[in-house]
């Protein structure tokens, strides 16, 4: 008598315990002979209360990866989870709700609303969600990012560094599961960029914030607990927290190969 067939179990599809996880993620643009593969089977786990940096040459797929991990884009194939929820099973409304509840963003060009004050820009995610801020947390955050005396200023009255501090505070105000930072120092001078990096590191160490940062700057990547290197749509190397010179050497080896 033949044994009954046992259905195969797809172990890879089991919800990972990581804050953010990807399994065999691909992203292709276009069709047929003109199709371009931006990601080629990327798998990773983002560790809780750690800062993960993603580096790579232009066209390596790092921005595409961040957009997919942050639910701003959908993979061609593969799976992504945020806080145990599989993104591919959500509709657009559910994706929007998940981003609102679990994700904070810091962009290279700040993306502040010019008609709002610094404080109003910081509170914008809560305002959109129809929620009231915790007064103590709001005050603590504004002081931590150095905006206590700039809260009534509009973006045009702030320096680039101050505008990015507003953007960082806006990302943190809702205490998100994960913050995604896309080239957060790319539009700042060296000194101001260093201050923003210190702020991001402080949010991890003192607030327990999980953060994923895409950057081309070895100095920025050097503040991360873990550095992932992408080339041609694949993760090809990983470093623990390293000195800027080590990160630069790894990048140079990547571009030379």
Protein backbone atom coordinates (compact mmCIF):
# COMPACT_ATOMS: atom_id res chain seq x y z
CA UNK A 1 0.00 0.00 0.00
CA UNK A 2 1.46 3.33 -1.03
CA UNK A 3 1.97 6.04 1.54
CA UNK A 4 -0.19 9.12 1.14
CA UNK A 5 1.61 12.04 -0.47
CA UNK A 6 2.56 14.82 1.96
CA UNK A 7 2.22 18.37 0.56
CA UNK A 8 5.51 20.22 0.29
CA UNK A 9 5.97 23.00 2.81
CA UNK A 10 7.55 26.22 1.54
CA UNK A 11 9.79 27.03 4.49
CA UNK A 12 10.95 30.29 2.88
CA UNK A 13 7.41 31.66 3.00
CA UNK A 14 7.10 31.30 6.77
CA UNK A 15 6.91 34.75 8.33
CA UNK A 16 10.43 35.62 9.57
CA UNK A 17 11.00 37.01 13.05
CA UNK A 18 13.10 39.91 11.69
CA UNK A 19 11.65 43.43 11.72
CA UNK A 20 12.01 43.59 7.94
CA UNK A 21 12.80 40.58 5.79
CA UNK A 22 13.14 39.79 2.09
CA UNK A 23 13.29 36.38 0.42
CA UNK A 24 14.45 35.88 -3.17
CA UNK A 25 13.31 39.36 -4.21
CA UNK A 26 13.66 40.25 -7.88
CA UNK A 27 12.67 43.44 -9.70
CA UNK A 28 12.62 43.74 -13.46
CA UNK A 29 11.67 46.77 -15.51
CA UNK A 30 10.41 46.36 -19.06
CA UNK A 31 9.60 43.26 -21.05
CA UNK A 32 11.40 40.84 -23.37
CA UNK A 33 14.82 41.70 -24.75
CA UNK A 34 14.70 45.22 -23.32
CA UNK A 35 13.97 44.09 -19.74
CA UNK A 36 16.38 45.34 -17.07
CA UNK A 37 16.95 43.37 -13.87
CA UNK A 38 17.39 45.79 -10.95
CA UNK A 39 17.35 43.08 -8.25
CA UNK A 40 18.29 39.43 -8.72
CA UNK A 41 17.07 37.23 -5.88
CA UNK A 42 17.95 39.33 -2.81
CA UNK A 43 17.34 37.81 0.64
CA UNK A 44 18.05 39.60 3.92
CA UNK A 45 16.88 40.15 7.49
CA UNK A 46 16.97 43.57 9.14
CA UNK A 47 17.94 43.28 12.79
CA UNK A 48 15.85 45.04 15.42
CA UNK A 49 17.29 48.14 17.14
CA UNK A 50 20.23 48.15 14.70
CA UNK A 51 21.30 50.45 11.89
CA UNK A 52 21.82 48.64 8.57
CA UNK A 53 23.54 50.47 5.72
CA UNK A 54 23.15 49.51 2.07
CA UNK A 55 25.92 50.56 -0.31
CA UNK A 56 26.75 49.98 -3.95
CA UNK A 57 27.76 51.66 -7.20
CA UNK A 58 25.21 53.63 -9.21
CA UNK A 59 22.79 51.18 -10.79
CA UNK A 60 23.53 48.43 -8.28
CA UNK A 61 19.90 48.28 -7.12
CA UNK A 62 20.25 49.82 -3.66
CA UNK A 63 17.48 52.41 -4.09
CA UNK A 64 15.21 49.83 -5.71
CA UNK A 65 15.79 47.52 -2.74
CA UNK A 66 14.95 50.25 -0.25
CA UNK A 67 11.76 51.17 -2.11
CA UNK A 68 10.63 47.54 -2.07
CA UNK A 69 11.52 47.01 1.59
CA UNK A 70 9.65 50.21 2.47
CA UNK A 71 6.52 49.15 0.54
CA UNK A 72 6.95 51.98 -1.98
CA UNK A 73 7.34 49.49 -4.84
CA UNK A 74 6.41 45.86 -5.42
CA UNK A 75 8.88 43.12 -6.35
CA UNK A 76 8.51 41.24 -9.61
CA UNK A 77 8.88 38.04 -7.57
CA UNK A 78 9.84 37.08 -4.05
CA UNK A 79 8.43 38.11 -0.68
CA UNK A 80 8.84 40.96 1.80
CA UNK A 81 7.64 41.16 5.40
CA UNK A 82 7.42 44.14 7.74
CA UNK A 83 6.67 43.44 11.41
CA UNK A 84 5.57 39.91 10.46
CA UNK A 85 3.11 41.06 7.78
CA UNK A 86 3.65 39.84 4.23
CA UNK A 87 3.34 42.81 1.89
CA UNK A 88 2.29 40.84 -1.19
CA UNK A 89 -0.97 39.86 0.49
CA UNK A 90 -2.06 43.48 1.11
CA UNK A 91 -4.10 45.77 -1.11
CA UNK A 92 -3.19 49.42 -1.68
CA UNK A 93 -5.26 50.66 1.26
CA UNK A 94 -3.69 48.13 3.61
CA UNK A 95 -0.20 49.01 2.34
CA UNK A 96 -0.86 52.69 3.05
CA UNK A 97 -2.04 51.82 6.58
CA UNK A 98 1.02 49.64 7.18
CA UNK A 99 3.40 52.40 6.03
CA UNK A 100 1.64 54.87 8.31
CA UNK A 101 1.86 52.58 11.35
CA UNK A 102 5.28 50.98 10.88
CA UNK A 103 7.52 53.09 8.63
CA UNK A 104 9.30 56.43 8.89
CA UNK A 105 11.15 58.06 5.98
CA UNK A 106 14.13 60.40 5.72
CA UNK A 107 14.82 61.66 2.19
CA UNK A 108 17.86 63.31 0.65
CA UNK A 109 15.93 66.46 -0.32
CA UNK A 110 13.99 66.77 2.98
CA UNK A 111 10.48 66.80 1.37
CA UNK A 112 9.10 69.34 3.82
CA UNK A 113 5.88 71.27 3.21
CA UNK A 114 6.90 74.94 2.81
CA UNK A 115 3.69 76.39 4.26
CA UNK A 116 4.05 74.50 7.55
CA UNK A 117 6.28 75.35 10.50
CA UNK A 118 9.04 73.00 11.61
CA UNK A 119 6.84 71.62 14.37
CA UNK A 120 3.89 71.16 12.03
CA UNK A 121 6.12 69.30 9.56
CA UNK A 122 7.37 67.05 12.36
CA UNK A 123 3.79 66.25 13.43
CA UNK A 124 2.52 65.73 9.87
CA UNK A 125 2.41 61.89 9.97
CA UNK A 126 0.22 62.04 13.09
CA UNK A 127 -1.92 64.82 11.63
CA UNK A 128 -2.60 62.75 8.51
CA UNK A 129 -3.48 59.75 10.65
CA UNK A 130 -5.83 61.88 12.76
CA UNK A 131 -3.81 61.23 15.91
CA UNK A 132 -2.68 63.52 18.72
CA UNK A 133 1.01 63.60 19.65
CA UNK A 134 2.19 62.61 23.10
CA UNK A 135 3.19 66.07 24.47
CA UNK A 136 6.16 64.74 26.46
CA UNK A 137 7.48 62.70 23.51
CA UNK A 138 7.06 65.66 21.15
CA UNK A 139 9.04 67.97 23.43
CA UNK A 140 11.73 65.37 24.06
CA UNK A 141 12.11 64.74 20.33
CA UNK A 142 12.29 68.42 19.38
CA UNK A 143 14.99 68.97 22.00
CA UNK A 144 16.91 65.85 20.96
CA UNK A 145 17.10 66.94 17.32
CA UNK A 146 17.96 70.53 18.26
CA UNK A 147 14.77 72.20 17.03
CA UNK A 148 13.34 73.45 20.30
CA UNK A 149 14.05 77.08 19.37
CA UNK A 150 13.21 76.65 15.67
CA UNK A 151 9.78 75.05 15.95
CA UNK A 152 7.89 78.10 14.60
CA UNK A 153 10.22 78.61 11.62
CA UNK A 154 9.16 77.53 8.14
CA UNK A 155 11.53 75.51 5.92
CA UNK A 156 12.68 78.59 3.97
CA UNK A 157 13.88 80.08 7.26
CA UNK A 158 15.97 77.01 8.15
CA UNK A 159 19.40 75.84 7.00
CA UNK A 160 19.77 72.58 5.11
CA UNK A 161 20.91 70.82 8.26
CA UNK A 162 17.97 72.15 10.24
CA UNK A 163 15.57 71.04 7.51
CA UNK A 164 17.03 67.54 7.64
CA UNK A 165 16.66 67.55 11.43
CA UNK A 166 12.98 68.30 10.88
CA UNK A 167 12.83 65.37 8.45
CA UNK A 168 14.50 63.05 10.97
CA UNK A 169 12.12 64.13 13.73
CA UNK A 170 9.15 63.65 11.36
CA UNK A 171 10.33 60.09 10.71
CA UNK A 172 10.63 59.37 14.44
CA UNK A 173 7.51 61.10 15.81
CA UNK A 174 5.22 58.09 15.38
CA UNK A 175 7.80 55.70 16.87
CA UNK A 176 7.84 53.55 13.73
CA UNK A 177 8.94 49.93 13.57
CA UNK A 178 11.64 50.92 11.06
CA UNK A 179 13.05 54.14 9.60
CA UNK A 180 14.30 54.15 6.00
CA UNK A 181 16.86 56.87 5.22
CA UNK A 182 17.65 57.46 1.54
CA UNK A 183 21.00 59.26 1.17
CA UNK A 184 20.24 61.38 4.26
CA UNK A 185 23.50 63.35 4.01
CA UNK A 186 23.65 63.54 0.21
CA UNK A 187 22.47 67.17 0.06
CA UNK A 188 24.50 68.46 3.02
CA UNK A 189 28.04 69.70 3.57
CA UNK A 190 30.49 67.50 5.46
CA UNK A 191 30.06 69.12 8.89
CA UNK A 192 26.27 69.24 8.74
CA UNK A 193 26.13 65.72 7.34
CA UNK A 194 28.19 64.53 10.29
CA UNK A 195 25.67 66.06 12.69
CA UNK A 196 22.80 64.26 10.97
CA UNK A 197 24.71 60.97 11.15
CA UNK A 198 25.23 61.49 14.87
CA UNK A 199 21.49 62.08 15.21
CA UNK A 200 20.63 58.88 13.35
CA UNK A 201 23.10 56.91 15.46
CA UNK A 202 21.66 58.47 18.61
CA UNK A 203 18.14 57.40 17.60
CA UNK A 204 19.36 53.79 17.41
CA UNK A 205 21.36 53.75 20.63
CA UNK A 206 19.07 55.85 22.85
CA UNK A 207 15.63 55.27 21.32
CA UNK A 208 16.12 51.70 20.10
CA UNK A 209 15.15 52.70 16.58
CA UNK A 210 15.62 50.15 13.80
CA UNK A 211 17.00 51.95 10.75
CA UNK A 212 17.92 51.08 7.16
CA UNK A 213 20.07 53.66 5.37
CA UNK A 214 20.97 53.73 1.68
CA UNK A 215 24.16 55.71 1.10
CA UNK A 216 27.15 56.09 -1.21
CA UNK A 217 29.19 57.81 1.53
CA UNK A 218 31.70 55.56 3.38
CA UNK A 219 31.62 57.92 6.36
CA UNK A 220 27.85 57.52 6.61
CA UNK A 221 28.02 53.74 6.26
CA UNK A 222 30.65 53.61 9.00
CA UNK A 223 28.06 54.49 11.66
CA UNK A 224 26.04 51.37 10.80
CA UNK A 225 26.07 48.15 12.78
CA UNK A 226 26.02 46.21 9.52
CA UNK A 227 26.91 47.18 5.96
CA UNK A 228 25.51 45.36 2.93
CA UNK A 229 27.13 45.86 -0.48
CA UNK A 230 25.10 45.47 -3.66
CA UNK A 231 26.41 44.94 -7.18
CA UNK A 232 24.33 44.16 -10.26
CA UNK A 233 21.22 43.59 -8.17
CA UNK A 234 22.73 41.12 -5.69
CA UNK A 235 24.22 41.33 -2.19
CA UNK A 236 27.88 40.47 -2.76
CA UNK A 237 29.51 41.39 0.54
CA UNK A 238 28.76 42.27 4.14
CA UNK A 239 30.79 44.06 6.81
CA UNK A 240 30.18 44.62 10.53
CA UNK A 241 30.64 48.13 11.91
CA UNK A 242 33.82 49.39 10.25
CA UNK A 243 36.03 52.42 9.86
CA UNK A 244 35.37 54.68 6.84
CA UNK A 245 38.67 53.59 5.26
CA UNK A 246 37.59 49.94 5.40
CA UNK A 247 34.22 50.79 3.84
CA UNK A 248 35.92 52.81 1.11
CA UNK A 249 38.30 49.93 0.38
CA UNK A 250 35.39 47.52 0.06
CA UNK A 251 33.60 49.89 -2.32
CA UNK A 252 36.71 50.35 -4.44
CA UNK A 253 37.15 46.58 -4.67
CA UNK A 254 33.53 46.31 -5.75
CA UNK A 255 33.82 48.88 -8.52
CA UNK A 256 37.15 47.45 -9.73
CA UNK A 257 35.82 43.91 -10.12
